Amino acid sequence: MNKEELNQEIGKLKASLEMHESQVKDLQQDLQIAEKKLADSNKPQLTTKQLNAIENAIETSVNSYRFDDVSQYDYEMGMEYDNQVYLSHIEFQDHGDLISDIYANVEDLFGIADESDDDQGDRE
């Protein structure tokens, strides 16, 4: 083979490699989609209406929570050399109350099934 034929062969091999790389990427995406579907297959299914109701319950809980109550925060103040005061640390302490409010609002959307109902669904 001469130099020109080798360059043509190299070009063909590079083109073939690029085509196969594209196919591998497509196969990897298909694999990820199939793995997600498999992981989701055992999850309870929600309708769009149910999901929207859950989102609204969470949003309502967060929006109605009183974040302006300073007693729920742990904070530390600092002072600069030029006597300027600054907030050096702040931590929200009452996250448990917020979580409870969210749980309560979401729970109000659904009837709670007995665990025996869950077991029967597994056997069918």
PDB file of N, CA and C in Angstrom:
ATOM      1  N   MET A   1       0.839  -1.184   0.000  1.00  0.00           N
ATOM      2  CA  MET A   1       0.000   0.000   0.000  1.00  0.00           C
ATOM      3  C   MET A   1       0.880   1.242   0.000  1.00  0.00           C
ATOM      4  N   ASN A   2       0.438   2.180  -0.795  1.00  0.00           N
ATOM      5  CA  ASN A   2       1.187   3.426  -0.808  1.00  0.00           C
ATOM      6  C   ASN A   2       0.573   4.400   0.197  1.00  0.00           C
ATOM      7  N   LYS A   3       1.168   5.545   0.286  1.00  0.00           N
ATOM      8  CA  LYS A   3       0.791   6.546   1.293  1.00  0.00           C
ATOM      9  C   LYS A   3      -0.656   7.009   1.111  1.00  0.00           C
ATOM     10  N   GLU A   4      -1.069   7.212  -0.139  1.00  0.00           N
ATOM     11  CA  GLU A   4      -2.420   7.687  -0.414  1.00  0.00           C
ATOM     12  C   GLU A   4      -3.461   6.637  -0.020  1.00  0.00           C
ATOM     13  N   GLU A   5      -3.210   5.389  -0.323  1.00  0.00           N
ATOM     14  CA  GLU A   5      -4.126   4.312   0.052  1.00  0.00           C
ATOM     15  C   GLU A   5      -4.215   4.173   1.574  1.00  0.00           C
ATOM     16  N   LEU A   6      -3.088   4.339   2.250  1.00  0.00           N
ATOM     17  CA  LEU A   6      -3.084   4.264   3.719  1.00  0.00           C
ATOM     18  C   LEU A   6      -3.894   5.401   4.322  1.00  0.00           C
ATOM     19  N   ASN A   7      -3.765   6.601   3.754  1.00  0.00           N
ATOM     20  CA  ASN A   7      -4.556   7.742   4.234  1.00  0.00           C
ATOM     21  C   ASN A   7      -6.047   7.504   4.016  1.00  0.00           C
ATOM     22  N   GLN A   8      -6.422   6.897   2.889  1.00  0.00           N
ATOM     23  CA  GLN A   8      -7.817   6.578   2.619  1.00  0.00           C
ATOM     24  C   GLN A   8      -8.325   5.527   3.615  1.00  0.00           C
ATOM     25  N   GLU A   9      -7.494   4.529   3.867  1.00  0.00           N
ATOM     26  CA  GLU A   9      -7.860   3.483   4.826  1.00  0.00           C
ATOM     27  C   GLU A   9      -8.049   4.068   6.225  1.00  0.00           C
ATOM     28  N   ILE A  10      -7.139   4.957   6.599  1.00  0.00           N
ATOM     29  CA  ILE A  10      -7.254   5.626   7.904  1.00  0.00           C
ATOM     30  C   ILE A  10      -8.550   6.437   7.966  1.00  0.00           C
ATOM     31  N   GLY A  11      -8.888   7.146   6.905  1.00  0.00           N
ATOM     32  CA  GLY A  11     -10.123   7.936   6.860  1.00  0.00           C
ATOM     33  C   GLY A  11     -11.345   7.049   7.002  1.00  0.00           C
ATOM     34  N   LYS A  12     -11.361   5.904   6.312  1.00  0.00           N
ATOM     35  CA  LYS A  12     -12.483   4.968   6.412  1.00  0.00           C
ATOM     36  C   LYS A  12     -12.607   4.431   7.844  1.00  0.00           C
ATOM     37  N   LEU A  13     -11.490   4.087   8.450  1.00  0.00           N
ATOM     38  CA  LEU A  13     -11.501   3.548   9.813  1.00  0.00           C
ATOM     39  C   LEU A  13     -11.989   4.592  10.816  1.00  0.00           C
ATOM     40  N   LYS A  14     -11.560   5.854  10.645  1.00  0.00           N
ATOM     41  CA  LYS A  14     -12.020   6.914  11.534  1.00  0.00           C
ATOM     42  C   LYS A  14     -13.524   7.122  11.386  1.00  0.00           C
ATOM     43  N   ALA A  15     -14.022   7.120  10.151  1.00  0.00           N
ATOM     44  CA  ALA A  15     -15.454   7.289   9.916  1.00  0.00           C
ATOM     45  C   ALA A  15     -16.238   6.135  10.536  1.00  0.00           C
ATOM     46  N   SER A  16     -15.730   4.928  10.369  1.00  0.00           N
ATOM     47  CA  SER A  16     -16.382   3.757  10.949  1.00  0.00           C
ATOM     48  C   SER A  16     -16.386   3.838  12.475  1.00  0.00           C
ATOM     49  N   LEU A  17     -15.274   4.284  13.049  1.00  0.00           N
ATOM     50  CA  LEU A  17     -15.168   4.426  14.503  1.00  0.00           C
ATOM     51  C   LEU A  17     -16.170   5.459  15.025  1.00  0.00           C
ATOM     52  N   GLU A  18     -16.289   6.593  14.333  1.00  0.00           N
ATOM     53  CA  GLU A  18     -17.236   7.625  14.747  1.00  0.00           C
ATOM     54  C   GLU A  18     -18.674   7.109  14.681  1.00  0.00           C
ATOM     55  N   MET A  19     -18.980   6.333  13.640  1.00  0.00           N
ATOM     56  CA  MET A  19     -20.318   5.778  13.500  1.00  0.00           C
ATOM     57  C   MET A  19     -20.609   4.811  14.659  1.00  0.00           C
ATOM     58  N   HIS A  20     -19.653   3.979  15.003  1.00  0.00           N
ATOM     59  CA  HIS A  20     -19.844   3.021  16.090  1.00  0.00           C
ATOM     60  C   HIS A  20     -19.923   3.733  17.447  1.00  0.00           C
ATOM     61  N   GLU A  21     -19.176   4.815  17.627  1.00  0.00           N
ATOM     62  CA  GLU A  21     -19.264   5.581  18.869  1.00  0.00           C
ATOM     63  C   GLU A  21     -20.662   6.162  19.029  1.00  0.00           C
ATOM     64  N   SER A  22     -21.238   6.629  17.938  1.00  0.00           N
ATOM     65  CA  SER A  22     -22.594   7.169  17.965  1.00  0.00           C
ATOM     66  C   SER A  22     -23.584   6.058  18.333  1.00  0.00           C
ATOM     67  N   GLN A  23     -23.387   4.875  17.771  1.00  0.00           N
ATOM     68  CA  GLN A  23     -24.265   3.749  18.090  1.00  0.00           C
ATOM     69  C   GLN A  23     -24.127   3.346  19.558  1.00  0.00           C
ATOM     70  N   VAL A  24     -22.917   3.377  20.075  1.00  0.00           N
ATOM     71  CA  VAL A  24     -22.692   3.038  21.484  1.00  0.00           C
ATOM     72  C   VAL A  24     -23.395   4.051  22.380  1.00  0.00           C
ATOM     73  N   LYS A  25     -23.308   5.331  22.044  1.00  0.00           N
ATOM     74  CA  LYS A  25     -23.992   6.357  22.832  1.00  0.00           C
ATOM     75  C   LYS A  25     -25.498   6.127  22.816  1.00  0.00           C
ATOM     76  N   ASP A  26     -26.049   5.806  21.641  1.00  0.00           N
ATOM     77  CA  ASP A  26     -27.485   5.525  21.545  1.00  0.00           C
ATOM     78  C   ASP A  26     -27.857   4.311  22.389  1.00  0.00           C
ATOM     79  N   LEU A  27     -27.039   3.275  22.343  1.00  0.00           N
ATOM     80  CA  LEU A  27     -27.304   2.078  23.141  1.00  0.00           C
ATOM     81  C   LEU A  27     -27.214   2.373  24.637  1.00  0.00           C
ATOM     82  N   GLN A  28     -26.282   3.219  25.035  1.00  0.00           N
ATOM     83  CA  GLN A  28     -26.151   3.586  26.447  1.00  0.00           C
ATOM     84  C   GLN A  28     -27.387   4.349  26.910  1.00  0.00           C
ATOM     85  N   GLN A  29     -27.898   5.239  26.071  1.00  0.00           N
ATOM     86  CA  GLN A  29     -29.121   5.979  26.414  1.00  0.00           C
ATOM     87  C   GLN A  29     -30.305   5.020  26.528  1.00  0.00           C
ATOM     88  N   ASP A  30     -30.414   4.078  25.574  1.00  0.00           N
ATOM     89  CA  ASP A  30     -31.494   3.089  25.629  1.00  0.00           C
ATOM     90  C   ASP A  30     -31.388   2.243  26.898  1.00  0.00           C
ATOM     91  N   LEU A  31     -30.166   1.887  27.279  1.00  0.00           N
ATOM     92  CA  LEU A  31     -29.945   1.112  28.496  1.00  0.00           C
ATOM     93  C   LEU A  31     -30.373   1.895  29.728  1.00  0.00           C
ATOM     94  N   GLN A  32     -30.017   3.174  29.801  1.00  0.00           N
ATOM     95  CA  GLN A  32     -30.409   4.004  30.936  1.00  0.00           C
ATOM     96  C   GLN A  32     -31.933   4.120  31.041  1.00  0.00           C
ATOM     97  N   ILE A  33     -32.593   4.274  29.899  1.00  0.00           N
ATOM     98  CA  ILE A  33     -34.058   4.369  29.888  1.00  0.00           C
ATOM     99  C   ILE A  33     -34.670   3.062  30.381  1.00  0.00           C
ATOM    100  N   ALA A  34     -34.154   1.930  29.894  1.00  0.00           N
ATOM    101  CA  ALA A  34     -34.675   0.629  30.313  1.00  0.00           C
ATOM    102  C   ALA A  34     -34.432   0.390  31.801  1.00  0.00           C
ATOM    103  N   GLU A  35     -33.259   0.786  32.314  1.00  0.00           N
ATOM    104  CA  GLU A  35     -32.963   0.621  33.741  1.00  0.00           C
ATOM    105  C   GLU A  35     -33.895   1.476  34.587  1.00  0.00           C
ATOM    106  N   LYS A  36     -34.193   2.695  34.134  1.00  0.00           N
ATOM    107  CA  LYS A  36     -35.118   3.566  34.877  1.00  0.00           C
ATOM    108  C   LYS A  36     -36.514   2.964  34.877  1.00  0.00           C
ATOM    109  N   LYS A  37     -36.951   2.437  33.732  1.00  0.00           N
ATOM    110  CA  LYS A  37     -38.271   1.806  33.668  1.00  0.00           C
ATOM    111  C   LYS A  37     -38.333   0.602  34.608  1.00  0.00           C
ATOM    112  N   LEU A  38     -37.263  -0.169  34.671  1.00  0.00           N
ATOM    113  CA  LEU A  38     -37.226  -1.318  35.579  1.00  0.00           C
ATOM    114  C   LEU A  38     -37.300  -0.865  37.029  1.00  0.00           C
ATOM    115  N   ALA A  39     -36.541   0.163  37.373  1.00  0.00           N
ATOM    116  CA  ALA A  39     -36.566   0.688  38.747  1.00  0.00           C
ATOM    117  C   ALA A  39     -37.946   1.242  39.085  1.00  0.00           C
ATOM    118  N   ASP A  40     -38.627   1.836  38.119  1.00  0.00           N
ATOM    119  CA  ASP A  40     -39.941   2.426  38.342  1.00  0.00           C
ATOM    120  C   ASP A  40     -41.066   1.390  38.307  1.00  0.00           C
ATOM    121  N   SER A  41     -40.794   0.185  37.820  1.00  0.00           N
ATOM    122  CA  SER A  41     -41.860  -0.797  37.633  1.00  0.00           C
ATOM    123  C   SER A  41     -42.498  -1.235  38.948  1.00  0.00           C
ATOM    124  N   ASN A  42     -41.768  -1.226  40.045  1.00  0.00           N
ATOM    125  CA  ASN A  42     -42.316  -1.647  41.330  1.00  0.00           C
ATOM    126  C   ASN A  42     -42.837  -0.480  42.166  1.00  0.00           C
ATOM    127  N   LYS A  43     -42.721   0.713  41.644  1.00  0.00           N
ATOM    128  CA  LYS A  43     -43.198   1.892  42.377  1.00  0.00           C
ATOM    129  C   LYS A  43     -44.694   2.055  42.143  1.00  0.00           C
ATOM    130  N   PRO A  44     -45.406   2.543  43.163  1.00  0.00           N
ATOM    131  CA  PRO A  44     -46.823   2.852  42.930  1.00  0.00           C
ATOM    132  C   PRO A  44     -46.941   3.961  41.885  1.00  0.00           C
ATOM    133  N   GLN A  45     -47.954   3.865  41.070  1.00  0.00           N
ATOM    134  CA  GLN A  45     -48.132   4.831  39.991  1.00  0.00           C
ATOM    135  C   GLN A  45     -49.047   5.967  40.448  1.00  0.00           C
ATOM    136  N   LEU A  46     -48.690   7.182  40.105  1.00  0.00           N
ATOM    137  CA  LEU A  46     -49.487   8.362  40.400  1.00  0.00           C
ATOM    138  C   LEU A  46     -50.001   8.948  39.096  1.00  0.00           C
ATOM    139  N   THR A  47     -51.211   9.444  39.165  1.00  0.00           N
ATOM    140  CA  THR A  47     -51.722  10.176  38.014  1.00  0.00           C
ATOM    141  C   THR A  47     -51.165  11.598  38.076  1.00  0.00           C
ATOM    142  N   THR A  48     -51.258  12.303  36.990  1.00  0.00           N
ATOM    143  CA  THR A  48     -50.813  13.697  36.960  1.00  0.00           C
ATOM    144  C   THR A  48     -51.605  14.527  37.957  1.00  0.00           C
ATOM    145  N   LYS A  49     -52.904  14.226  38.094  1.00  0.00           N
ATOM    146  CA  LYS A  49     -53.765  14.948  39.034  1.00  0.00           C
ATOM    147  C   LYS A  49     -53.278  14.715  40.470  1.00  0.00           C
ATOM    148  N   GLN A  50     -52.920  13.478  40.809  1.00  0.00           N
ATOM    149  CA  GLN A  50     -52.430  13.172  42.156  1.00  0.00           C
ATOM    150  C   GLN A  50     -51.102  13.864  42.421  1.00  0.00           C
ATOM    151  N   LEU A  51     -50.211  13.823  41.456  1.00  0.00           N
ATOM    152  CA  LEU A  51     -48.910  14.468  41.609  1.00  0.00           C
ATOM    153  C   LEU A  51     -49.080  15.972  41.799  1.00  0.00           C
ATOM    154  N   ASN A  52     -49.968  16.574  41.042  1.00  0.00           N
ATOM    155  CA  ASN A  52     -50.236  18.013  41.200  1.00  0.00           C
ATOM    156  C   ASN A  52     -50.803  18.315  42.586  1.00  0.00           C
ATOM    157  N   ALA A  53     -51.657  17.433  43.093  1.00  0.00           N
ATOM    158  CA  ALA A  53     -52.224  17.626  44.432  1.00  0.00           C
ATOM    159  C   ALA A  53     -51.121  17.560  45.490  1.00  0.00           C
ATOM    160  N   ILE A  54     -50.179  16.639  45.336  1.00  0.00           N
ATOM    161  CA  ILE A  54     -49.054  16.535  46.276  1.00  0.00           C
ATOM    162  C   ILE A  54     -48.199  17.793  46.203  1.00  0.00           C
ATOM    163  N   GLU A  55     -47.889  18.224  45.001  1.00  0.00           N
ATOM    164  CA  GLU A  55     -47.092  19.444  44.830  1.00  0.00           C
ATOM    165  C   GLU A  55     -47.790  20.642  45.473  1.00  0.00           C
ATOM    166  N   ASN A  56     -49.095  20.748  45.286  1.00  0.00           N
ATOM    167  CA  ASN A  56     -49.848  21.863  45.881  1.00  0.00           C
ATOM    168  C   ASN A  56     -49.854  21.783  47.397  1.00  0.00           C
ATOM    169  N   ALA A  57     -49.959  20.575  47.944  1.00  0.00           N
ATOM    170  CA  ALA A  57     -49.947  20.420  49.399  1.00  0.00           C
ATOM    171  C   ALA A  57     -48.597  20.844  49.977  1.00  0.00           C
ATOM    172  N   ILE A  58     -47.524  20.462  49.318  1.00  0.00           N
ATOM    173  CA  ILE A  58     -46.184  20.848  49.775  1.00  0.00           C
ATOM    174  C   ILE A  58     -46.014  22.359  49.667  1.00  0.00           C
ATOM    175  N   GLU A  59     -46.424  22.905  48.533  1.00  0.00           N
ATOM    176  CA  GLU A  59     -46.298  24.354  48.321  1.00  0.00           C
ATOM    177  C   GLU A  59     -47.110  25.124  49.354  1.00  0.00           C
ATOM    178  N   THR A  60     -48.316  24.664  49.640  1.00  0.00           N
ATOM    179  CA  THR A  60     -49.167  25.318  50.638  1.00  0.00           C
ATOM    180  C   THR A  60     -48.508  25.270  52.018  1.00  0.00           C
ATOM    181  N   SER A  61     -47.947  24.114  52.360  1.00  0.00           N
ATOM    182  CA  SER A  61     -47.285  23.966  53.662  1.00  0.00           C
ATOM    183  C   SER A  61     -46.121  24.932  53.799  1.00  0.00           C
ATOM    184  N   VAL A  62     -45.291  24.997  52.784  1.00  0.00           N
ATOM    185  CA  VAL A  62     -44.109  25.862  52.837  1.00  0.00           C
ATOM    186  C   VAL A  62     -44.517  27.328  52.835  1.00  0.00           C
ATOM    187  N   ASN A  63     -45.488  27.673  51.987  1.00  0.00           N
ATOM    188  CA  ASN A  63     -45.912  29.076  51.903  1.00  0.00           C
ATOM    189  C   ASN A  63     -46.608  29.561  53.169  1.00  0.00           C
ATOM    190  N   SER A  64     -47.284  28.666  53.886  1.00  0.00           N
ATOM    191  CA  SER A  64     -48.000  29.097  55.089  1.00  0.00           C
ATOM    192  C   SER A  64     -47.131  29.010  56.346  1.00  0.00           C
ATOM    193  N   TYR A  65     -45.937  28.461  56.215  1.00  0.00           N
ATOM    194  CA  TYR A  65     -45.063  28.336  57.376  1.00  0.00           C
ATOM    195  C   TYR A  65     -44.479  29.706  57.734  1.00  0.00           C
ATOM    196  N   ARG A  66     -44.356  29.988  59.015  1.00  0.00           N
ATOM    197  CA  ARG A  66     -43.865  31.301  59.464  1.00  0.00           C
ATOM    198  C   ARG A  66     -42.342  31.276  59.582  1.00  0.00           C
ATOM    199  N   PHE A  67     -41.679  31.582  58.482  1.00  0.00           N
ATOM    200  CA  PHE A  67     -40.213  31.632  58.481  1.00  0.00           C
ATOM    201  C   PHE A  67     -39.690  32.896  59.153  1.00  0.00           C
ATOM    202  N   ASP A  68     -40.568  33.865  59.391  1.00  0.00           N
ATOM    203  CA  ASP A  68     -40.122  35.125  59.977  1.00  0.00           C
ATOM    204  C   ASP A  68     -40.035  35.074  61.505  1.00  0.00           C
ATOM    205  N   ASP A  69     -40.362  33.956  62.116  1.00  0.00           N
ATOM    206  CA  ASP A  69     -40.258  33.791  63.566  1.00  0.00           C
ATOM    207  C   ASP A  69     -38.784  33.548  63.915  1.00  0.00           C
ATOM    208  N   VAL A  70     -38.138  34.542  64.497  1.00  0.00           N
ATOM    209  CA  VAL A  70     -36.696  34.463  64.757  1.00  0.00           C
ATOM    210  C   VAL A  70     -36.326  33.411  65.799  1.00  0.00           C
ATOM    211  N   SER A  71     -37.298  32.952  66.588  1.00  0.00           N
ATOM    212  CA  SER A  71     -36.985  31.949  67.609  1.00  0.00           C
ATOM    213  C   SER A  71     -36.655  30.578  66.996  1.00  0.00           C
ATOM    214  N   GLN A  72     -36.945  30.386  65.727  1.00  0.00           N
ATOM    215  CA  GLN A  72     -36.657  29.110  65.073  1.00  0.00           C
ATOM    216  C   GLN A  72     -35.263  29.056  64.460  1.00  0.00           C
ATOM    217  N   TYR A  73     -34.481  30.072  64.666  1.00  0.00           N
ATOM    218  CA  TYR A  73     -33.153  30.125  64.060  1.00  0.00           C
ATOM    219  C   TYR A  73     -32.071  30.185  65.138  1.00  0.00           C
ATOM    220  N   ASP A  74     -30.985  29.516  64.857  1.00  0.00           N
ATOM    221  CA  ASP A  74     -29.782  29.626  65.676  1.00  0.00           C
ATOM    222  C   ASP A  74     -28.806  30.446  64.841  1.00  0.00           C
ATOM    223  N   TYR A  75     -28.323  31.529  65.410  1.00  0.00           N
ATOM    224  CA  TYR A  75     -27.441  32.389  64.609  1.00  0.00           C
ATOM    225  C   TYR A  75     -26.312  32.939  65.471  1.00  0.00           C
ATOM    226  N   GLU A  76     -25.259  33.330  64.785  1.00  0.00           N
ATOM    227  CA  GLU A  76     -24.117  33.957  65.439  1.00  0.00           C
ATOM    228  C   GLU A  76     -23.789  35.239  64.710  1.00  0.00           C
ATOM    229  N   MET A  77     -23.460  36.237  65.495  1.00  0.00           N
ATOM    230  CA  MET A  77     -23.112  37.535  64.935  1.00  0.00           C
ATOM    231  C   MET A  77     -21.595  37.724  65.050  1.00  0.00           C
ATOM    232  N   GLY A  78     -21.068  38.546  64.202  1.00  0.00           N
ATOM    233  CA  GLY A  78     -19.654  38.885  64.251  1.00  0.00           C
ATOM    234  C   GLY A  78     -19.485  40.378  64.053  1.00  0.00           C
ATOM    235  N   MET A  79     -18.263  40.864  64.305  1.00  0.00           N
ATOM    236  CA  MET A  79     -18.016  42.288  64.133  1.00  0.00           C
ATOM    237  C   MET A  79     -16.710  42.455  63.360  1.00  0.00           C
ATOM    238  N   GLU A  80     -16.761  43.316  62.359  1.00  0.00           N
ATOM    239  CA  GLU A  80     -15.592  43.626  61.552  1.00  0.00           C
ATOM    240  C   GLU A  80     -14.702  44.619  62.308  1.00  0.00           C
ATOM    241  N   TYR A  81     -13.506  44.839  61.803  1.00  0.00           N
ATOM    242  CA  TYR A  81     -12.588  45.798  62.429  1.00  0.00           C
ATOM    243  C   TYR A  81     -13.123  47.228  62.413  1.00  0.00           C
ATOM    244  N   ASP A  82     -13.963  47.529  61.419  1.00  0.00           N
ATOM    245  CA  ASP A  82     -14.520  48.884  61.332  1.00  0.00           C
ATOM    246  C   ASP A  82     -15.870  48.990  62.058  1.00  0.00           C
ATOM    247  N   ASN A  83     -16.108  48.091  62.999  1.00  0.00           N
ATOM    248  CA  ASN A  83     -17.297  48.061  63.850  1.00  0.00           C
ATOM    249  C   ASN A  83     -18.593  47.754  63.102  1.00  0.00           C
ATOM    250  N   GLN A  84     -18.496  47.136  61.939  1.00  0.00           N
ATOM    251  CA  GLN A  84     -19.694  46.701  61.236  1.00  0.00           C
ATOM    252  C   GLN A  84     -20.079  45.314  61.751  1.00  0.00           C
ATOM    253  N   VAL A  85     -21.344  45.141  62.089  1.00  0.00           N
ATOM    254  CA  VAL A  85     -21.853  43.872  62.589  1.00  0.00           C
ATOM    255  C   VAL A  85     -22.334  43.043  61.396  1.00  0.00           C
ATOM    256  N   TYR A  86     -22.038  41.760  61.445  1.00  0.00           N
ATOM    257  CA  TYR A  86     -22.479  40.886  60.359  1.00  0.00           C
ATOM    258  C   TYR A  86     -22.974  39.568  60.940  1.00  0.00           C
ATOM    259  N   LEU A  87     -23.784  38.898  60.172  1.00  0.00           N
ATOM    260  CA  LEU A  87     -24.309  37.590  60.540  1.00  0.00           C
ATOM    261  C   LEU A  87     -23.325  36.551  60.026  1.00  0.00           C
ATOM    262  N   SER A  88     -22.671  35.833  60.924  1.00  0.00           N
ATOM    263  CA  SER A  88     -21.640  34.893  60.497  1.00  0.00           C
ATOM    264  C   SER A  88     -22.175  33.479  60.318  1.00  0.00           C
ATOM    265  N   HIS A  89     -23.312  33.185  60.934  1.00  0.00           N
ATOM    266  CA  HIS A  89     -23.843  31.836  60.860  1.00  0.00           C
ATOM    267  C   HIS A  89     -25.340  31.898  61.143  1.00  0.00           C
ATOM    268  N   ILE A  90     -26.122  31.172  60.362  1.00  0.00           N
ATOM    269  CA  ILE A  90     -27.561  31.059  60.643  1.00  0.00           C
ATOM    270  C   ILE A  90     -27.980  29.640  60.300  1.00  0.00           C
ATOM    271  N   GLU A  91     -28.804  29.069  61.188  1.00  0.00           N
ATOM    272  CA  GLU A  91     -29.274  27.703  60.990  1.00  0.00           C
ATOM    273  C   GLU A  91     -30.743  27.629  61.373  1.00  0.00           C
ATOM    274  N   PHE A  92     -31.541  27.060  60.504  1.00  0.00           N
ATOM    275  CA  PHE A  92     -32.967  26.877  60.744  1.00  0.00           C
ATOM    276  C   PHE A  92     -33.146  25.684  61.671  1.00  0.00           C
ATOM    277  N   GLN A  93     -33.766  25.898  62.827  1.00  0.00           N
ATOM    278  CA  GLN A  93     -33.876  24.868  63.856  1.00  0.00           C
ATOM    279  C   GLN A  93     -35.170  24.064  63.793  1.00  0.00           C
ATOM    280  N   ASP A  94     -36.249  24.649  63.350  1.00  0.00           N
ATOM    281  CA  ASP A  94     -37.559  24.009  63.442  1.00  0.00           C
ATOM    282  C   ASP A  94     -37.958  23.275  62.164  1.00  0.00           C
ATOM    283  N   HIS A  95     -37.003  22.667  61.507  1.00  0.00           N
ATOM    284  CA  HIS A  95     -37.330  21.950  60.274  1.00  0.00           C
ATOM    285  C   HIS A  95     -38.269  20.776  60.548  1.00  0.00           C
ATOM    286  N   GLY A  96     -38.223  20.218  61.752  1.00  0.00           N
ATOM    287  CA  GLY A  96     -39.135  19.130  62.101  1.00  0.00           C
ATOM    288  C   GLY A  96     -40.590  19.557  62.036  1.00  0.00           C
ATOM    289  N   ASP A  97     -40.888  20.771  62.488  1.00  0.00           N
ATOM    290  CA  ASP A  97     -42.256  21.288  62.413  1.00  0.00           C
ATOM    291  C   ASP A  97     -42.701  21.462  60.965  1.00  0.00           C
ATOM    292  N   LEU A  98     -41.806  21.963  60.138  1.00  0.00           N
ATOM    293  CA  LEU A  98     -42.137  22.143  58.727  1.00  0.00           C
ATOM    294  C   LEU A  98     -42.386  20.791  58.070  1.00  0.00           C
ATOM    295  N   ILE A  99     -41.543  19.829  58.365  1.00  0.00           N
ATOM    296  CA  ILE A  99     -41.719  18.482  57.809  1.00  0.00           C
ATOM    297  C   ILE A  99     -43.057  17.894  58.254  1.00  0.00           C
ATOM    298  N   SER A 100     -43.401  18.072  59.529  1.00  0.00           N
ATOM    299  CA  SER A 100     -44.680  17.561  60.036  1.00  0.00           C
ATOM    300  C   SER A 100     -45.858  18.202  59.326  1.00  0.00           C
ATOM    301  N   ASP A 101     -45.777  19.502  59.077  1.00  0.00           N
ATOM    302  CA  ASP A 101     -46.843  20.193  58.349  1.00  0.00           C
ATOM    303  C   ASP A 101     -46.984  19.641  56.928  1.00  0.00           C
ATOM    304  N   ILE A 102     -45.855  19.409  56.279  1.00  0.00           N
ATOM    305  CA  ILE A 102     -45.891  18.869  54.915  1.00  0.00           C
ATOM    306  C   ILE A 102     -46.491  17.472  54.926  1.00  0.00           C
ATOM    307  N   TYR A 103     -46.020  16.605  55.838  1.00  0.00           N
ATOM    308  CA  TYR A 103     -46.573  15.251  55.941  1.00  0.00           C
ATOM    309  C   TYR A 103     -48.083  15.286  56.163  1.00  0.00           C
ATOM    310  N   ALA A 104     -48.529  16.144  57.088  1.00  0.00           N
ATOM    311  CA  ALA A 104     -49.955  16.217  57.411  1.00  0.00           C
ATOM    312  C   ALA A 104     -50.759  16.639  56.186  1.00  0.00           C
ATOM    313  N   ASN A 105     -50.290  17.646  55.460  1.00  0.00           N
ATOM    314  CA  ASN A 105     -51.026  18.115  54.281  1.00  0.00           C
ATOM    315  C   ASN A 105     -51.045  17.072  53.170  1.00  0.00           C
ATOM    316  N   VAL A 106     -49.970  16.349  52.981  1.00  0.00           N
ATOM    317  CA  VAL A 106     -49.936  15.304  51.954  1.00  0.00           C
ATOM    318  C   VAL A 106     -50.800  14.128  52.395  1.00  0.00           C
ATOM    319  N   GLU A 107     -50.719  13.768  53.667  1.00  0.00           N
ATOM    320  CA  GLU A 107     -51.502  12.644  54.182  1.00  0.00           C
ATOM    321  C   GLU A 107     -53.000  12.908  54.050  1.00  0.00           C
ATOM    322  N   ASP A 108     -53.418  14.155  54.196  1.00  0.00           N
ATOM    323  CA  ASP A 108     -54.830  14.511  54.058  1.00  0.00           C
ATOM    324  C   ASP A 108     -55.360  14.242  52.648  1.00  0.00           C
ATOM    325  N   LEU A 109     -54.469  14.128  51.673  1.00  0.00           N
ATOM    326  CA  LEU A 109     -54.893  13.890  50.295  1.00  0.00           C
ATOM    327  C   LEU A 109     -55.288  12.441  50.039  1.00  0.00           C
ATOM    328  N   PHE A 110     -54.816  11.519  50.873  1.00  0.00           N
ATOM    329  CA  PHE A 110     -54.961  10.097  50.592  1.00  0.00           C
ATOM    330  C   PHE A 110     -55.581   9.351  51.758  1.00  0.00           C
ATOM    331  N   GLY A 111     -56.202   8.233  51.430  1.00  0.00           N
ATOM    332  CA  GLY A 111     -56.611   7.288  52.447  1.00  0.00           C
ATOM    333  C   GLY A 111     -55.422   6.375  52.717  1.00  0.00           C
ATOM    334  N   ILE A 112     -55.220   6.026  53.954  1.00  0.00           N
ATOM    335  CA  ILE A 112     -54.079   5.185  54.314  1.00  0.00           C
ATOM    336  C   ILE A 112     -54.528   3.732  54.314  1.00  0.00           C
ATOM    337  N   ALA A 113     -53.855   2.891  53.552  1.00  0.00           N
ATOM    338  CA  ALA A 113     -54.194   1.479  53.448  1.00  0.00           C
ATOM    339  C   ALA A 113     -53.561   0.707  54.595  1.00  0.00           C
ATOM    340  N   ASP A 114     -54.225  -0.379  54.994  1.00  0.00           N
ATOM    341  CA  ASP A 114     -53.628  -1.273  55.982  1.00  0.00           C
ATOM    342  C   ASP A 114     -52.453  -1.984  55.343  1.00  0.00           C
ATOM    343  N   GLU A 115     -51.480  -2.367  56.153  1.00  0.00           N
ATOM    344  CA  GLU A 115     -50.331  -3.087  55.610  1.00  0.00           C
ATOM    345  C   GLU A 115     -50.749  -4.429  55.033  1.00  0.00           C
ATOM    346  N   SER A 116     -51.830  -5.016  55.541  1.00  0.00           N
ATOM    347  CA  SER A 116     -52.303  -6.283  54.976  1.00  0.00           C
ATOM    348  C   SER A 116     -52.731  -6.098  53.522  1.00  0.00           C
ATOM    349  N   ASP A 117     -53.235  -4.918  53.159  1.00  0.00           N
ATOM    350  CA  ASP A 117     -53.582  -4.625  51.772  1.00  0.00           C
ATOM    351  C   ASP A 117     -52.337  -4.632  50.891  1.00  0.00           C
ATOM    352  N   ASP A 118     -51.227  -4.109  51.419  1.00  0.00           N
ATOM    353  CA  ASP A 118     -49.978  -4.110  50.659  1.00  0.00           C
ATOM    354  C   ASP A 118     -49.498  -5.533  50.424  1.00  0.00           C
ATOM    355  N   ASP A 119     -49.625  -6.395  51.432  1.00  0.00           N
ATOM    356  CA  ASP A 119     -49.174  -7.781  51.299  1.00  0.00           C
ATOM    357  C   ASP A 119     -49.971  -8.527  50.257  1.00  0.00           C
ATOM    358  N   GLN A 120     -51.282  -8.266  50.170  1.00  0.00           N
ATOM    359  CA  GLN A 120     -52.114  -8.940  49.187  1.00  0.00           C
ATOM    360  C   GLN A 120     -51.731  -8.545  47.779  1.00  0.00           C
ATOM    361  N   GLY A 121     -51.350  -7.285  47.591  1.00  0.00           N
ATOM    362  CA  GLY A 121     -50.933  -6.815  46.267  1.00  0.00           C
ATOM    363  C   GLY A 121     -49.645  -7.479  45.818  1.00  0.00           C
ATOM    364  N   ASP A 122     -48.788  -7.844  46.768  1.00  0.00           N
ATOM    365  CA  ASP A 122     -47.521  -8.478  46.425  1.00  0.00           C
ATOM    366  C   ASP A 122     -47.735  -9.916  45.957  1.00  0.00           C
ATOM    367  N   ARG A 123     -48.793 -10.574  46.457  1.00  0.00           N
ATOM    368  CA  ARG A 123     -49.020 -11.978  46.121  1.00  0.00           C
ATOM    369  C   ARG A 123     -49.681 -12.131  44.768  1.00  0.00           C
ATOM    370  N   GLU A 124     -50.377 -11.120  44.297  1.00  0.00           N
ATOM    371  CA  GLU A 124     -51.119 -11.241  43.043  1.00  0.00           C
ATOM    372  C   GLU A 124     -50.226 -11.114  41.845  1.00  0.00           C
TER     373      GLU A 124
END
